[in-house]
Amino acid sequence: MRKPKMIFDIAMLAVYLVAANPAVTGIPLHEYLGLGAFLAMVLHITLSAGGLTGRGHGGRLALNAVLLVSLAVCAVSGVMVSGTVLPALGLYETGYFFWDPLHALSAKVLLAALLVHLVLRSPVAWAWIRRQRARASAAEGAIAREDATAERA
């Protein structure tokens, strides 16, 4: 895993965790951060789609399908019950009693699927962290050897 992708994944997770808690952010920020998290996750799923082909990837493909569908339903239902985004566009949607429970359900499914995704991908993340630490240790060792050589001379 490349460093920019790992940083993007961590930032996306942080934005999602903040957006998923409207009691902390307030509804307007929740709605706008939710739309940003939606766009970031769609980008992430699109960029990660290349690793889904081949044998043994059916489960990962199914999980990503659940993630994408629950994300889409959560975003659409969130916009439909919006108290900030939709009125800012001069729109208003009826059917709150349909969209609000759908939004709550899809958000719970999305959270559960994200947790499964994180658990399944954690070995990759830990391997990346170990490689970064090994590189840093090797670089520190090389610098220490250079310093010791320079002191002897």
N, C-alpha and C. Protein backbone atom coordinates (compact mmCIF):
# COMPACT_ATOMS: atom_id res chain seq x y z
N MET A 1 0.86 -1.18 0.00
CA MET A 1 0.00 0.00 0.00
C MET A 1 0.90 1.23 0.00
N ARG A 2 0.57 2.16 -0.85
CA ARG A 2 1.37 3.38 -0.95
C ARG A 2 0.98 4.37 0.15
N LYS A 3 1.96 5.21 0.52
CA LYS A 3 1.75 6.16 1.60
C LYS A 3 0.61 7.14 1.32
N PRO A 4 0.51 7.74 0.10
CA PRO A 4 -0.62 8.65 -0.14
C PRO A 4 -1.98 7.96 0.00
N LYS A 5 -2.07 6.70 -0.43
CA LYS A 5 -3.34 5.97 -0.32
C LYS A 5 -3.66 5.71 1.15
N MET A 6 -2.65 5.34 1.93
CA MET A 6 -2.87 5.10 3.36
C MET A 6 -3.31 6.39 4.06
N ILE A 7 -2.68 7.51 3.73
CA ILE A 7 -3.07 8.79 4.33
C ILE A 7 -4.49 9.15 3.93
N PHE A 8 -4.85 8.92 2.65
CA PHE A 8 -6.22 9.18 2.19
C PHE A 8 -7.21 8.31 2.95
N ASP A 9 -6.88 7.02 3.15
CA ASP A 9 -7.77 6.11 3.86
C ASP A 9 -7.98 6.56 5.31
N ILE A 10 -6.90 6.97 5.96
CA ILE A 10 -7.00 7.42 7.35
C ILE A 10 -7.83 8.70 7.43
N ALA A 11 -7.59 9.63 6.51
CA ALA A 11 -8.37 10.88 6.50
C ALA A 11 -9.84 10.60 6.23
N MET A 12 -10.12 9.68 5.31
CA MET A 12 -11.50 9.33 4.99
C MET A 12 -12.19 8.70 6.20
N LEU A 13 -11.49 7.83 6.92
CA LEU A 13 -12.06 7.23 8.12
C LEU A 13 -12.34 8.29 9.17
N ALA A 14 -11.43 9.24 9.33
CA ALA A 14 -11.63 10.31 10.31
C ALA A 14 -12.84 11.17 9.95
N VAL A 15 -12.98 11.51 8.68
CA VAL A 15 -14.13 12.31 8.24
C VAL A 15 -15.42 11.54 8.47
N TYR A 16 -15.41 10.24 8.15
CA TYR A 16 -16.61 9.43 8.37
C TYR A 16 -16.97 9.39 9.86
N LEU A 17 -15.97 9.16 10.72
CA LEU A 17 -16.26 9.05 12.14
C LEU A 17 -16.84 10.35 12.70
N VAL A 18 -16.36 11.48 12.21
CA VAL A 18 -16.91 12.76 12.65
C VAL A 18 -18.31 12.95 12.06
N ALA A 19 -18.46 12.65 10.78
CA ALA A 19 -19.76 12.85 10.12
C ALA A 19 -20.83 11.92 10.67
N ALA A 20 -20.43 10.74 11.14
CA ALA A 20 -21.40 9.76 11.62
C ALA A 20 -21.93 10.09 13.01
N ASN A 21 -21.51 11.18 13.58
CA ASN A 21 -21.93 11.53 14.93
C ASN A 21 -22.57 12.92 14.95
N PRO A 22 -23.83 13.02 14.51
CA PRO A 22 -24.47 14.34 14.44
C PRO A 22 -24.69 15.00 15.80
N ALA A 23 -24.67 14.21 16.86
CA ALA A 23 -24.82 14.81 18.20
C ALA A 23 -23.61 15.68 18.54
N VAL A 24 -22.46 15.34 17.99
CA VAL A 24 -21.25 16.10 18.25
C VAL A 24 -21.11 17.26 17.26
N THR A 25 -21.38 17.00 15.99
CA THR A 25 -21.14 18.01 14.96
C THR A 25 -22.29 18.99 14.78
N GLY A 26 -23.48 18.57 15.13
CA GLY A 26 -24.66 19.36 14.79
C GLY A 26 -25.14 18.92 13.41
N ILE A 27 -26.41 19.13 13.14
CA ILE A 27 -27.01 18.63 11.89
C ILE A 27 -26.40 19.27 10.63
N PRO A 28 -26.23 20.59 10.55
CA PRO A 28 -25.68 21.14 9.30
C PRO A 28 -24.31 20.57 8.94
N LEU A 29 -23.39 20.52 9.91
CA LEU A 29 -22.07 19.98 9.64
C LEU A 29 -22.14 18.48 9.33
N HIS A 30 -23.02 17.76 10.02
CA HIS A 30 -23.25 16.34 9.76
C HIS A 30 -23.64 16.12 8.31
N GLU A 31 -24.53 16.96 7.80
CA GLU A 31 -25.02 16.79 6.43
C GLU A 31 -23.91 17.08 5.41
N TYR A 32 -23.19 18.15 5.59
CA TYR A 32 -22.14 18.48 4.62
C TYR A 32 -20.95 17.52 4.72
N LEU A 33 -20.55 17.15 5.94
CA LEU A 33 -19.48 16.17 6.09
C LEU A 33 -19.91 14.81 5.54
N GLY A 34 -21.18 14.48 5.72
CA GLY A 34 -21.71 13.22 5.18
C GLY A 34 -21.60 13.18 3.67
N LEU A 35 -21.91 14.29 3.03
CA LEU A 35 -21.76 14.33 1.56
C LEU A 35 -20.29 14.22 1.17
N GLY A 36 -19.41 14.87 1.92
CA GLY A 36 -17.98 14.75 1.65
C GLY A 36 -17.48 13.34 1.87
N ALA A 37 -17.94 12.69 2.93
CA ALA A 37 -17.55 11.30 3.19
C ALA A 37 -18.07 10.39 2.09
N PHE A 38 -19.28 10.67 1.60
CA PHE A 38 -19.84 9.89 0.49
C PHE A 38 -18.94 9.98 -0.73
N LEU A 39 -18.55 11.18 -1.10
CA LEU A 39 -17.68 11.35 -2.27
C LEU A 39 -16.32 10.69 -2.06
N ALA A 40 -15.77 10.82 -0.86
CA ALA A 40 -14.47 10.21 -0.58
C ALA A 40 -14.56 8.69 -0.64
N MET A 41 -15.64 8.11 -0.12
CA MET A 41 -15.78 6.66 -0.13
C MET A 41 -16.01 6.13 -1.54
N VAL A 42 -16.77 6.86 -2.34
CA VAL A 42 -16.95 6.44 -3.73
C VAL A 42 -15.60 6.46 -4.45
N LEU A 43 -14.81 7.48 -4.21
CA LEU A 43 -13.47 7.55 -4.81
C LEU A 43 -12.61 6.39 -4.32
N HIS A 44 -12.66 6.09 -3.04
CA HIS A 44 -11.89 4.99 -2.46
C HIS A 44 -12.29 3.65 -3.08
N ILE A 45 -13.59 3.40 -3.17
CA ILE A 45 -14.07 2.14 -3.75
C ILE A 45 -13.67 2.04 -5.21
N THR A 46 -13.74 3.15 -5.92
CA THR A 46 -13.35 3.15 -7.33
C THR A 46 -11.86 2.88 -7.48
N LEU A 47 -11.02 3.51 -6.67
CA LEU A 47 -9.58 3.31 -6.74
C LEU A 47 -9.17 1.91 -6.31
N SER A 48 -9.94 1.30 -5.41
CA SER A 48 -9.60 -0.02 -4.89
C SER A 48 -10.21 -1.15 -5.72
N ALA A 49 -10.99 -0.85 -6.71
CA ALA A 49 -11.70 -1.88 -7.46
C ALA A 49 -10.77 -2.80 -8.22
N GLY A 50 -9.56 -2.36 -8.55
CA GLY A 50 -8.64 -3.18 -9.32
C GLY A 50 -8.23 -4.45 -8.59
N GLY A 51 -8.23 -4.46 -7.28
CA GLY A 51 -7.84 -5.63 -6.51
C GLY A 51 -8.95 -6.62 -6.27
N LEU A 52 -10.07 -6.45 -6.93
CA LEU A 52 -11.23 -7.30 -6.67
C LEU A 52 -11.41 -8.40 -7.69
N THR A 53 -10.52 -8.50 -8.65
CA THR A 53 -10.67 -9.53 -9.66
C THR A 53 -9.82 -10.74 -9.30
N GLY A 54 -10.15 -11.86 -9.85
CA GLY A 54 -9.39 -13.08 -9.60
C GLY A 54 -10.07 -13.98 -8.60
N ARG A 55 -9.41 -15.12 -8.36
CA ARG A 55 -9.97 -16.12 -7.44
C ARG A 55 -9.93 -15.66 -6.00
N GLY A 56 -10.95 -16.03 -5.26
CA GLY A 56 -10.94 -15.77 -3.84
C GLY A 56 -11.34 -14.36 -3.44
N HIS A 57 -11.75 -13.57 -4.40
CA HIS A 57 -12.12 -12.19 -4.08
C HIS A 57 -13.63 -11.97 -4.08
N GLY A 58 -14.39 -13.04 -4.16
CA GLY A 58 -15.85 -12.92 -4.18
C GLY A 58 -16.39 -12.30 -2.90
N GLY A 59 -15.81 -12.70 -1.76
CA GLY A 59 -16.26 -12.15 -0.48
C GLY A 59 -15.97 -10.67 -0.38
N ARG A 60 -14.79 -10.27 -0.83
CA ARG A 60 -14.43 -8.85 -0.80
C ARG A 60 -15.32 -8.06 -1.75
N LEU A 61 -15.61 -8.64 -2.91
CA LEU A 61 -16.50 -7.99 -3.86
C LEU A 61 -17.90 -7.82 -3.28
N ALA A 62 -18.38 -8.86 -2.59
CA ALA A 62 -19.70 -8.78 -1.96
C ALA A 62 -19.72 -7.72 -0.86
N LEU A 63 -18.66 -7.68 -0.05
CA LEU A 63 -18.57 -6.68 1.01
C LEU A 63 -18.56 -5.27 0.42
N ASN A 64 -17.78 -5.07 -0.64
CA ASN A 64 -17.75 -3.75 -1.27
C ASN A 64 -19.08 -3.39 -1.89
N ALA A 65 -19.82 -4.38 -2.39
CA ALA A 65 -21.16 -4.11 -2.92
C ALA A 65 -22.08 -3.66 -1.79
N VAL A 66 -22.01 -4.34 -0.65
CA VAL A 66 -22.82 -3.93 0.52
C VAL A 66 -22.43 -2.52 0.95
N LEU A 67 -21.12 -2.25 1.00
CA LEU A 67 -20.65 -0.91 1.37
C LEU A 67 -21.19 0.15 0.41
N LEU A 68 -21.09 -0.13 -0.88
CA LEU A 68 -21.50 0.85 -1.87
C LEU A 68 -23.01 1.09 -1.84
N VAL A 69 -23.79 0.03 -1.75
CA VAL A 69 -25.25 0.17 -1.73
C VAL A 69 -25.70 0.87 -0.45
N SER A 70 -25.16 0.45 0.70
CA SER A 70 -25.58 1.09 1.95
C SER A 70 -25.12 2.55 1.98
N LEU A 71 -23.97 2.83 1.41
CA LEU A 71 -23.48 4.21 1.32
C LEU A 71 -24.40 5.05 0.44
N ALA A 72 -24.78 4.51 -0.71
CA ALA A 72 -25.67 5.24 -1.62
C ALA A 72 -27.03 5.48 -0.98
N VAL A 73 -27.60 4.46 -0.35
CA VAL A 73 -28.91 4.61 0.29
C VAL A 73 -28.81 5.61 1.44
N CYS A 74 -27.73 5.55 2.20
CA CYS A 74 -27.54 6.48 3.32
C CYS A 74 -27.43 7.91 2.81
N ALA A 75 -26.68 8.11 1.73
CA ALA A 75 -26.51 9.46 1.18
C ALA A 75 -27.82 9.99 0.61
N VAL A 76 -28.52 9.18 -0.18
CA VAL A 76 -29.78 9.64 -0.79
C VAL A 76 -30.82 9.91 0.29
N SER A 77 -30.98 8.98 1.24
CA SER A 77 -31.98 9.19 2.29
C SER A 77 -31.58 10.35 3.19
N GLY A 78 -30.27 10.55 3.38
CA GLY A 78 -29.81 11.69 4.18
C GLY A 78 -30.15 13.02 3.52
N VAL A 79 -29.99 13.08 2.20
CA VAL A 79 -30.35 14.30 1.48
C VAL A 79 -31.87 14.51 1.54
N MET A 80 -32.62 13.40 1.48
CA MET A 80 -34.08 13.53 1.48
C MET A 80 -34.63 14.00 2.83
N VAL A 81 -33.94 13.70 3.92
CA VAL A 81 -34.41 14.19 5.23
C VAL A 81 -33.65 15.44 5.67
N SER A 82 -32.87 15.97 4.77
CA SER A 82 -31.99 17.09 5.08
C SER A 82 -32.75 18.31 5.57
N GLY A 83 -32.19 18.90 6.61
CA GLY A 83 -32.73 20.16 7.10
C GLY A 83 -31.86 21.33 6.69
N THR A 84 -30.74 21.05 6.03
CA THR A 84 -29.79 22.10 5.64
C THR A 84 -29.48 22.08 4.16
N VAL A 85 -29.02 20.93 3.64
CA VAL A 85 -28.57 20.85 2.25
C VAL A 85 -29.72 21.09 1.27
N LEU A 86 -30.81 20.37 1.45
CA LEU A 86 -31.94 20.51 0.53
C LEU A 86 -32.54 21.92 0.57
N PRO A 87 -32.82 22.48 1.75
CA PRO A 87 -33.33 23.85 1.78
C PRO A 87 -32.35 24.87 1.20
N ALA A 88 -31.05 24.62 1.33
CA ALA A 88 -30.06 25.53 0.75
C ALA A 88 -30.17 25.56 -0.76
N LEU A 89 -30.67 24.48 -1.33
CA LEU A 89 -30.89 24.42 -2.78
C LEU A 89 -32.29 24.88 -3.17
N GLY A 90 -33.05 25.30 -2.17
CA GLY A 90 -34.41 25.77 -2.43
C GLY A 90 -35.40 24.62 -2.62
N LEU A 91 -35.06 23.44 -2.10
CA LEU A 91 -35.91 22.27 -2.27
C LEU A 91 -36.41 21.78 -0.92
N TYR A 92 -37.53 21.06 -0.98
CA TYR A 92 -38.07 20.44 0.22
C TYR A 92 -38.71 19.12 -0.19
N GLU A 93 -38.46 18.08 0.57
CA GLU A 93 -38.99 16.76 0.24
C GLU A 93 -39.94 16.29 1.32
N THR A 94 -41.08 15.77 0.91
CA THR A 94 -42.00 15.16 1.86
C THR A 94 -41.61 13.69 2.00
N GLY A 95 -42.26 12.99 2.88
CA GLY A 95 -41.97 11.57 3.06
C GLY A 95 -40.94 11.32 4.13
N TYR A 96 -40.86 12.21 5.10
CA TYR A 96 -39.88 12.09 6.18
C TYR A 96 -40.01 10.74 6.89
N PHE A 97 -41.23 10.27 7.06
CA PHE A 97 -41.45 9.03 7.81
C PHE A 97 -40.98 7.80 7.04
N PHE A 98 -40.70 7.94 5.75
CA PHE A 98 -40.09 6.88 4.97
C PHE A 98 -38.58 7.03 4.96
N TRP A 99 -38.11 8.25 4.68
CA TRP A 99 -36.68 8.48 4.49
C TRP A 99 -35.88 8.42 5.79
N ASP A 100 -36.43 8.90 6.89
CA ASP A 100 -35.68 8.92 8.14
C ASP A 100 -35.36 7.52 8.66
N PRO A 101 -36.33 6.59 8.74
CA PRO A 101 -35.97 5.23 9.17
C PRO A 101 -35.02 4.54 8.18
N LEU A 102 -35.19 4.82 6.89
CA LEU A 102 -34.30 4.25 5.89
C LEU A 102 -32.87 4.77 6.09
N HIS A 103 -32.75 6.05 6.40
CA HIS A 103 -31.44 6.64 6.66
C HIS A 103 -30.80 6.00 7.90
N ALA A 104 -31.57 5.83 8.96
CA ALA A 104 -31.04 5.22 10.18
C ALA A 104 -30.61 3.78 9.93
N LEU A 105 -31.41 3.02 9.22
CA LEU A 105 -31.07 1.63 8.94
C LEU A 105 -29.83 1.52 8.05
N SER A 106 -29.80 2.31 6.99
CA SER A 106 -28.65 2.23 6.07
C SER A 106 -27.37 2.70 6.76
N ALA A 107 -27.47 3.66 7.66
CA ALA A 107 -26.28 4.11 8.40
C ALA A 107 -25.75 3.00 9.30
N LYS A 108 -26.64 2.23 9.90
CA LYS A 108 -26.22 1.11 10.75
C LYS A 108 -25.59 -0.01 9.91
N VAL A 109 -26.18 -0.30 8.76
CA VAL A 109 -25.61 -1.32 7.88
C VAL A 109 -24.24 -0.85 7.38
N LEU A 110 -24.13 0.43 7.02
CA LEU A 110 -22.86 0.98 6.57
C LEU A 110 -21.80 0.87 7.65
N LEU A 111 -22.14 1.22 8.87
CA LEU A 111 -21.19 1.12 9.98
C LEU A 111 -20.73 -0.32 10.19
N ALA A 112 -21.67 -1.26 10.18
CA ALA A 112 -21.32 -2.68 10.36
C ALA A 112 -20.40 -3.15 9.23
N ALA A 113 -20.72 -2.79 7.99
CA ALA A 113 -19.90 -3.20 6.85
C ALA A 113 -18.51 -2.55 6.91
N LEU A 114 -18.45 -1.30 7.35
CA LEU A 114 -17.14 -0.64 7.50
C LEU A 114 -16.29 -1.32 8.57
N LEU A 115 -16.91 -1.74 9.65
CA LEU A 115 -16.17 -2.45 10.69
C LEU A 115 -15.61 -3.77 10.16
N VAL A 116 -16.42 -4.51 9.41
CA VAL A 116 -15.95 -5.76 8.80
C VAL A 116 -14.80 -5.45 7.84
N HIS A 117 -14.96 -4.41 7.04
CA HIS A 117 -13.92 -4.01 6.08
C HIS A 117 -12.61 -3.67 6.81
N LEU A 118 -12.72 -2.91 7.90
CA LEU A 118 -11.52 -2.55 8.66
C LEU A 118 -10.83 -3.77 9.25
N VAL A 119 -11.60 -4.71 9.78
CA VAL A 119 -11.02 -5.92 10.36
C VAL A 119 -10.34 -6.75 9.27
N LEU A 120 -10.98 -6.88 8.12
CA LEU A 120 -10.40 -7.67 7.04
C LEU A 120 -9.15 -7.02 6.45
N ARG A 121 -9.10 -5.70 6.43
CA ARG A 121 -7.96 -5.00 5.85
C ARG A 121 -6.88 -4.66 6.86
N SER A 122 -7.11 -4.91 8.14
CA SER A 122 -6.13 -4.55 9.16
C SER A 122 -4.77 -5.25 8.97
N PRO A 123 -4.71 -6.52 8.52
CA PRO A 123 -3.36 -7.10 8.30
C PRO A 123 -2.54 -6.31 7.27
N VAL A 124 -3.20 -5.80 6.25
CA VAL A 124 -2.49 -4.99 5.25
C VAL A 124 -1.97 -3.71 5.88
N ALA A 125 -2.80 -3.08 6.70
CA ALA A 125 -2.39 -1.84 7.35
C ALA A 125 -1.24 -2.09 8.32
N TRP A 126 -1.31 -3.17 9.11
CA TRP A 126 -0.23 -3.46 10.05
C TRP A 126 1.06 -3.79 9.32
N ALA A 127 0.97 -4.51 8.21
CA ALA A 127 2.17 -4.81 7.42
C ALA A 127 2.79 -3.53 6.89
N TRP A 128 1.96 -2.59 6.45
CA TRP A 128 2.46 -1.31 5.96
C TRP A 128 3.17 -0.55 7.08
N ILE A 129 2.57 -0.54 8.27
CA ILE A 129 3.16 0.16 9.41
C ILE A 129 4.50 -0.48 9.78
N ARG A 130 4.57 -1.82 9.79
CA ARG A 130 5.84 -2.50 10.10
C ARG A 130 6.91 -2.16 9.08
N ARG A 131 6.55 -2.11 7.79
CA ARG A 131 7.52 -1.75 6.75
C ARG A 131 8.02 -0.33 6.94
N GLN A 132 7.12 0.59 7.28
CA GLN A 132 7.53 1.98 7.50
C GLN A 132 8.49 2.08 8.68
N ARG A 133 8.20 1.33 9.75
CA ARG A 133 9.09 1.34 10.92
C ARG A 133 10.44 0.73 10.58
N ALA A 134 10.44 -0.35 9.81
CA ALA A 134 11.70 -0.99 9.42
C ALA A 134 12.54 -0.05 8.56
N ARG A 135 11.89 0.66 7.65
CA ARG A 135 12.61 1.63 6.82
C ARG A 135 13.20 2.75 7.68
N ALA A 136 12.41 3.22 8.63
CA ALA A 136 12.89 4.29 9.51
C ALA A 136 14.06 3.80 10.36
N SER A 137 13.98 2.58 10.86
CA SER A 137 15.08 2.01 11.66
C SER A 137 16.33 1.83 10.81
N ALA A 138 16.16 1.36 9.59
CA ALA A 138 17.30 1.18 8.69
C ALA A 138 17.95 2.52 8.38
N ALA A 139 17.14 3.52 8.16
CA ALA A 139 17.68 4.85 7.86
C ALA A 139 18.42 5.41 9.08
N GLU A 140 17.86 5.22 10.28
CA GLU A 140 18.53 5.68 11.49
C GLU A 140 19.84 4.95 11.70
N GLY A 141 19.86 3.63 11.41
CA GLY A 141 21.08 2.85 11.54
C GLY A 141 22.15 3.32 10.57
N ALA A 142 21.75 3.64 9.35
CA ALA A 142 22.70 4.12 8.35
C ALA A 142 23.28 5.47 8.77
N ILE A 143 22.44 6.33 9.32
CA ILE A 143 22.92 7.64 9.78
C ILE A 143 23.87 7.47 10.95
N ALA A 144 23.54 6.55 11.85
CA ALA A 144 24.42 6.31 13.01
C ALA A 144 25.77 5.77 12.55
N ARG A 145 25.78 4.86 11.56
CA ARG A 145 27.04 4.32 11.05
C ARG A 145 27.86 5.41 10.38
N GLU A 146 27.18 6.29 9.63
CA GLU A 146 27.90 7.41 8.99
C GLU A 146 28.50 8.33 10.04
N ASP A 147 27.75 8.61 11.10
CA ASP A 147 28.26 9.46 12.17
C ASP A 147 29.47 8.82 12.85
N ALA A 148 29.41 7.51 13.09
CA ALA A 148 30.51 6.81 13.75
C ALA A 148 31.75 6.81 12.84
N THR A 149 31.54 6.63 11.54
CA THR A 149 32.64 6.66 10.58
C THR A 149 33.26 8.04 10.54
N ALA A 150 32.45 9.06 10.56
CA ALA A 150 32.95 10.43 10.50
C ALA A 150 33.73 10.79 11.76
N GLU A 151 33.31 10.25 12.93
CA GLU A 151 34.01 10.53 14.18
C GLU A 151 35.38 9.86 14.21
N ARG A 152 35.52 8.69 13.59
CA ARG A 152 36.80 7.98 13.55
C ARG A 152 37.80 8.69 12.65
N ALA A 153 37.31 9.36 11.64
CA ALA A 153 38.20 9.99 10.66
C ALA A 153 38.76 11.29 11.13
